[in-house]
Structures are given as structure tokens and as C-alpha cells.
Amino acid sequence: MNRRGANRTGPLGGAGMVGLWGASSFITSVQYGSIAGFGTSNLTATATISAVDTSRAFVVWLGSNNGGVDDFSLLARVALTNSTTVTGTRERQDGANGTTVNFVVVEFLPGIIRSMQVVYGSLLSTSSPTASITAVNTSKTVLLPVGRVQTYAGGAVSYTAMPTSTLTNATTVTWAAGASGADVRIYSLVLEFIC
């Protein structure tokens, strides 16, 4: 299964890159935060951040926790939904168990990021799902976590909650878990740099 974000490009040697000459850092801002307030029925919650340029900023999931014992109620993913909002999403909820999701938003100067793609794989029918991506230069690309969720498709979470992820080649992301059978979806950000 596959869900892609838009490709974003910045020309090497263009106005954005020329503006970086002499810069002390390629990073414009780093913002850490958390999302709470999922409660007993709502599956999404948001956090407000200082405004960023979404064409050169991204969010990374730093883990989730809750006050209950149900694995699926703590699984969540994050998305930078606009320039000032990070949205956390769960696919399931259980009783009064709340979920807190931590994240970091990083913004680069123009001309650093070539493309950003968000993809996911499901562990419902295989313990090693794959997703196709638009081709990237693997020597200039990193794979970052943006969360894990479980749908109502059933299955136990215990063996599938912490799979590994790999940029297998220029067009494929692969995840691996100890077992299949639960529709745990693992979301990853494929972040390609220009240089």
C-alpha cells in the first residue's frame, strides 16, 4: 500500500542555494512538541507550532504513550497539516485511555530538500510489506518515522507494534515485523536532499 506526499524540488545553484553561501546553518527552525487530548472518542488532535514553510519543513514522530494497557490505543501518526498545525491521528480508541504523541518539526533553508514522500505498509497479510515511491537518490535520502496506527481490521498488536523500516532501493520502502495478522500501518517519510 502506498500514500505519497507531493514531490518538492529546489534547483541546485538556483536563487535559494546561492542565498545559502556563507550561511552558518542550513536549518531555519527546530520545534519540539506534543499532542494530547485524544480522549474517549476523538481520533485526531492537534498542536500549534510557529509558522513554517511546508515546502521545506517536515515532522518526525518521536513516540506515543497512554495511561492504559491497550496497545492499539497508543499507536498514532503525525502530519504537518498546514504551516502552523501538526495533527496526530489514531485509527482506534478504547474507553478513557488517552494518548500523547511527541514530535519534532524541522525546517530547512530553500534549496536543501529535493523531495518528501510519506508512505505506509500494512502488516495485515504480510510481515514484510513494501511501498513504491518516486525514484530517489539513495545516497542522499533518509527514512524517518511518522507513526504507526492500527485499524479495526483486527489482529493482535504485540508482535507487530515495532517493525523495522528500510529504504530497499531507489523506488521501494520495506518494513519487517515478527508476525503479520494485525492491520498495523507503519508510516515513513522518505526525505531526499539535493546535496
Protein backbone atom coordinates (compact mmCIF):
# COMPACT_ATOMS: atom_id res chain seq x y z
CA MET A 1 0.00 0.00 0.00
CA ASN A 2 1.19 3.47 -0.70
CA ARG A 3 0.31 7.02 0.11
CA ARG A 4 2.50 9.74 -1.29
CA GLY A 5 3.13 13.32 -0.47
CA ALA A 6 3.91 15.82 -3.20
CA ASN A 7 7.43 15.99 -4.58
CA ARG A 8 9.10 19.26 -3.89
CA THR A 9 12.21 20.47 -5.68
CA GLY A 10 14.71 23.28 -5.44
CA PRO A 11 17.35 23.80 -8.16
CA LEU A 12 20.99 23.39 -7.21
CA GLY A 13 22.63 26.71 -7.92
CA GLY A 14 19.26 28.48 -8.04
CA ALA A 15 18.42 31.58 -6.04
CA GLY A 16 17.66 29.51 -2.93
CA MET A 17 21.03 27.74 -2.95
CA VAL A 18 23.01 30.89 -3.78
CA GLY A 19 21.41 32.53 -0.75
CA LEU A 20 22.97 29.82 1.45
CA TRP A 21 26.56 30.74 0.65
CA GLY A 22 28.14 31.84 3.89
CA ALA A 23 25.21 30.61 6.00
CA SER A 24 26.15 29.12 9.36
CA SER A 25 23.32 26.57 9.29
CA PHE A 26 21.03 25.01 6.73
CA ILE A 27 18.30 24.66 9.36
CA THR A 28 15.81 27.50 9.81
CA SER A 29 14.00 26.13 12.85
CA VAL A 30 13.56 23.06 15.07
CA GLN A 31 10.36 22.80 17.13
CA TYR A 32 9.60 20.02 19.61
CA GLY A 33 6.07 19.46 20.80
CA SER A 34 3.40 17.04 21.92
CA ILE A 35 -0.21 16.33 21.05
CA ALA A 36 -2.72 15.30 23.71
CA GLY A 37 -6.49 15.38 24.09
CA PHE A 38 -7.50 12.29 22.14
CA GLY A 39 -9.82 11.25 24.97
CA THR A 40 -12.55 8.62 24.75
CA SER A 41 -13.95 9.25 21.28
CA ASN A 42 -11.92 11.64 19.15
CA LEU A 43 -9.29 10.02 16.96
CA THR A 44 -7.46 13.21 16.00
CA ALA A 45 -5.90 16.03 17.98
CA THR A 46 -3.66 18.93 17.03
CA ALA A 47 -0.79 21.06 18.29
CA THR A 48 0.04 24.59 17.18
CA ILE A 49 3.58 25.50 16.15
CA SER A 50 5.28 28.66 14.92
CA ALA A 51 4.71 29.10 11.19
CA VAL A 52 6.96 27.13 8.81
CA ASP A 53 7.20 26.83 5.05
CA THR A 54 5.60 23.42 4.37
CA SER A 55 7.58 23.00 1.14
CA ARG A 56 10.79 22.73 3.16
CA ALA A 57 9.64 21.53 6.59
CA PHE A 58 8.75 18.07 7.86
CA VAL A 59 7.54 16.39 11.03
CA VAL A 60 9.03 13.30 12.72
CA TRP A 61 7.13 11.06 15.17
CA LEU A 62 9.00 10.71 18.47
CA GLY A 63 6.75 8.08 20.01
CA SER A 64 3.41 7.78 21.76
CA ASN A 65 2.23 6.83 25.23
CA ASN A 66 -1.04 6.45 27.12
CA GLY A 67 -2.36 5.69 30.57
CA GLY A 68 -3.95 2.39 29.60
CA VAL A 69 -2.94 -1.11 28.65
CA ASP A 70 -4.28 -1.42 25.11
CA ASP A 71 -1.53 -1.36 22.51
CA PHE A 72 -3.72 -0.10 19.69
CA SER A 73 -4.90 2.98 21.61
CA LEU A 74 -1.36 4.34 21.84
CA LEU A 75 -0.46 3.85 18.18
CA ALA A 76 -0.66 7.17 16.32
CA ARG A 77 0.84 9.04 13.39
CA VAL A 78 1.67 12.71 12.82
CA ALA A 79 1.34 15.03 9.84
CA LEU A 80 2.21 18.66 9.17
CA THR A 81 -1.29 19.66 8.02
CA ASN A 82 -0.54 23.34 7.42
CA SER A 83 2.11 25.91 8.28
CA THR A 84 1.12 26.14 11.95
CA THR A 85 -0.56 22.79 12.73
CA VAL A 86 0.68 19.28 13.47
CA THR A 87 -2.14 16.72 13.53
CA GLY A 88 -1.99 13.42 15.39
CA THR A 89 -4.27 10.59 14.22
CA ARG A 90 -5.27 7.27 15.73
CA GLU A 91 -7.36 4.68 13.89
CA ARG A 92 -8.78 3.15 17.08
CA GLN A 93 -9.66 4.28 20.57
CA ASP A 94 -10.59 2.42 23.71
CA GLY A 95 -12.54 3.76 26.67
CA ALA A 96 -10.89 6.57 28.57
CA ASN A 97 -7.34 5.76 27.56
CA GLY A 98 -5.75 8.98 26.39
CA THR A 99 -2.78 9.19 24.05
CA THR A 100 0.10 11.66 23.99
CA VAL A 101 2.19 11.90 20.84
CA ASN A 102 5.61 13.60 20.73
CA PHE A 103 7.05 15.12 17.57
CA VAL A 104 9.71 17.41 16.16
CA VAL A 105 9.26 19.76 13.19
CA VAL A 106 12.41 20.68 11.26
CA GLU A 107 12.54 23.44 8.65
CA PHE A 108 15.43 23.90 6.23
CA LEU A 109 16.51 26.90 4.19
CA PRO A 110 15.45 26.85 0.49
CA GLY A 111 17.40 24.62 -1.88
CA ILE A 112 18.18 21.79 0.59
CA ILE A 113 15.28 19.35 0.20
CA ARG A 114 14.66 17.74 -3.19
CA SER A 115 11.58 15.70 -2.31
CA MET A 116 9.39 14.47 0.55
CA GLN A 117 7.16 11.39 0.29
CA VAL A 118 5.05 9.79 3.02
CA VAL A 119 4.25 6.10 2.52
CA TYR A 120 2.90 3.26 4.63
CA GLY A 121 2.80 -0.51 4.73
CA SER A 122 0.22 -2.78 6.37
CA LEU A 123 1.08 -5.89 8.38
CA LEU A 124 -2.39 -7.42 7.96
CA SER A 125 -1.44 -10.04 5.36
CA THR A 126 2.37 -9.99 5.36
CA SER A 127 5.11 -9.43 7.92
CA SER A 128 7.23 -7.67 5.27
CA PRO A 129 5.12 -5.13 3.34
CA THR A 130 6.57 -2.80 0.73
CA ALA A 131 5.60 0.56 -0.78
CA SER A 132 6.60 2.03 -4.12
CA ILE A 133 7.97 5.57 -4.18
CA THR A 134 9.02 8.03 -6.84
CA ALA A 135 12.70 7.32 -7.55
CA VAL A 136 15.21 8.94 -5.20
CA ASN A 137 18.99 9.09 -4.95
CA THR A 138 19.60 6.60 -2.12
CA SER A 139 22.92 8.19 -1.19
CA LYS A 140 21.10 11.45 -0.42
CA THR A 141 17.91 10.10 1.14
CA VAL A 142 16.90 9.31 4.72
CA LEU A 143 13.93 7.35 6.02
CA LEU A 144 12.19 8.82 9.08
CA PRO A 145 9.25 7.57 11.19
CA VAL A 146 5.94 9.46 11.17
CA GLY A 147 3.95 6.94 13.19
CA ARG A 148 2.10 3.64 13.47
CA VAL A 149 -1.63 3.04 13.70
CA GLN A 150 -3.93 0.02 13.90
CA THR A 151 -7.28 -0.10 12.12
CA TYR A 152 -10.34 -2.12 13.08
CA ALA A 153 -9.35 -4.90 10.70
CA GLY A 154 -8.45 -6.99 13.73
CA GLY A 155 -5.49 -8.97 14.98
CA ALA A 156 -3.23 -8.62 17.99
CA VAL A 157 -0.65 -5.86 18.07
CA SER A 158 2.02 -7.46 20.25
CA TYR A 159 4.26 -8.90 17.51
CA THR A 160 3.73 -6.10 15.04
CA ALA A 161 3.95 -2.87 17.00
CA MET A 162 7.67 -2.22 16.46
CA PRO A 163 8.67 -3.20 12.91
CA THR A 164 11.88 -2.09 11.22
CA SER A 165 11.94 0.05 8.08
CA THR A 166 14.42 0.08 5.20
CA LEU A 167 14.95 2.08 2.03
CA THR A 168 15.41 -1.07 -0.05
CA ASN A 169 16.29 0.68 -3.30
CA ALA A 170 15.57 3.89 -5.19
CA THR A 171 11.86 3.08 -5.59
CA THR A 172 10.98 0.82 -2.65
CA VAL A 173 10.48 1.06 1.11
CA THR A 174 10.26 -2.22 3.06
CA TRP A 175 9.11 -2.87 6.62
CA ALA A 176 9.64 -6.06 8.64
CA ALA A 177 7.89 -7.35 11.77
CA GLY A 178 7.88 -10.53 13.80
CA ALA A 179 4.45 -11.55 12.52
CA SER A 180 1.51 -10.48 10.38
CA GLY A 181 -2.21 -10.64 11.07
CA ALA A 182 -2.94 -7.19 12.50
CA ASP A 183 -3.62 -4.19 10.31
CA VAL A 184 -0.86 -2.15 11.89
CA ARG A 185 0.14 0.52 9.39
CA ILE A 186 3.66 1.89 9.59
CA TYR A 187 4.14 5.37 8.16
CA SER A 188 7.53 6.59 6.97
CA LEU A 189 8.83 9.82 5.49
CA VAL A 190 11.23 9.46 2.56
CA LEU A 191 13.29 12.65 2.68
CA GLU A 192 15.67 13.32 -0.21
CA PHE A 193 18.27 16.08 -0.08
CA ILE A 194 19.71 17.97 -3.03
CA CYS A 195 23.36 17.78 -1.93
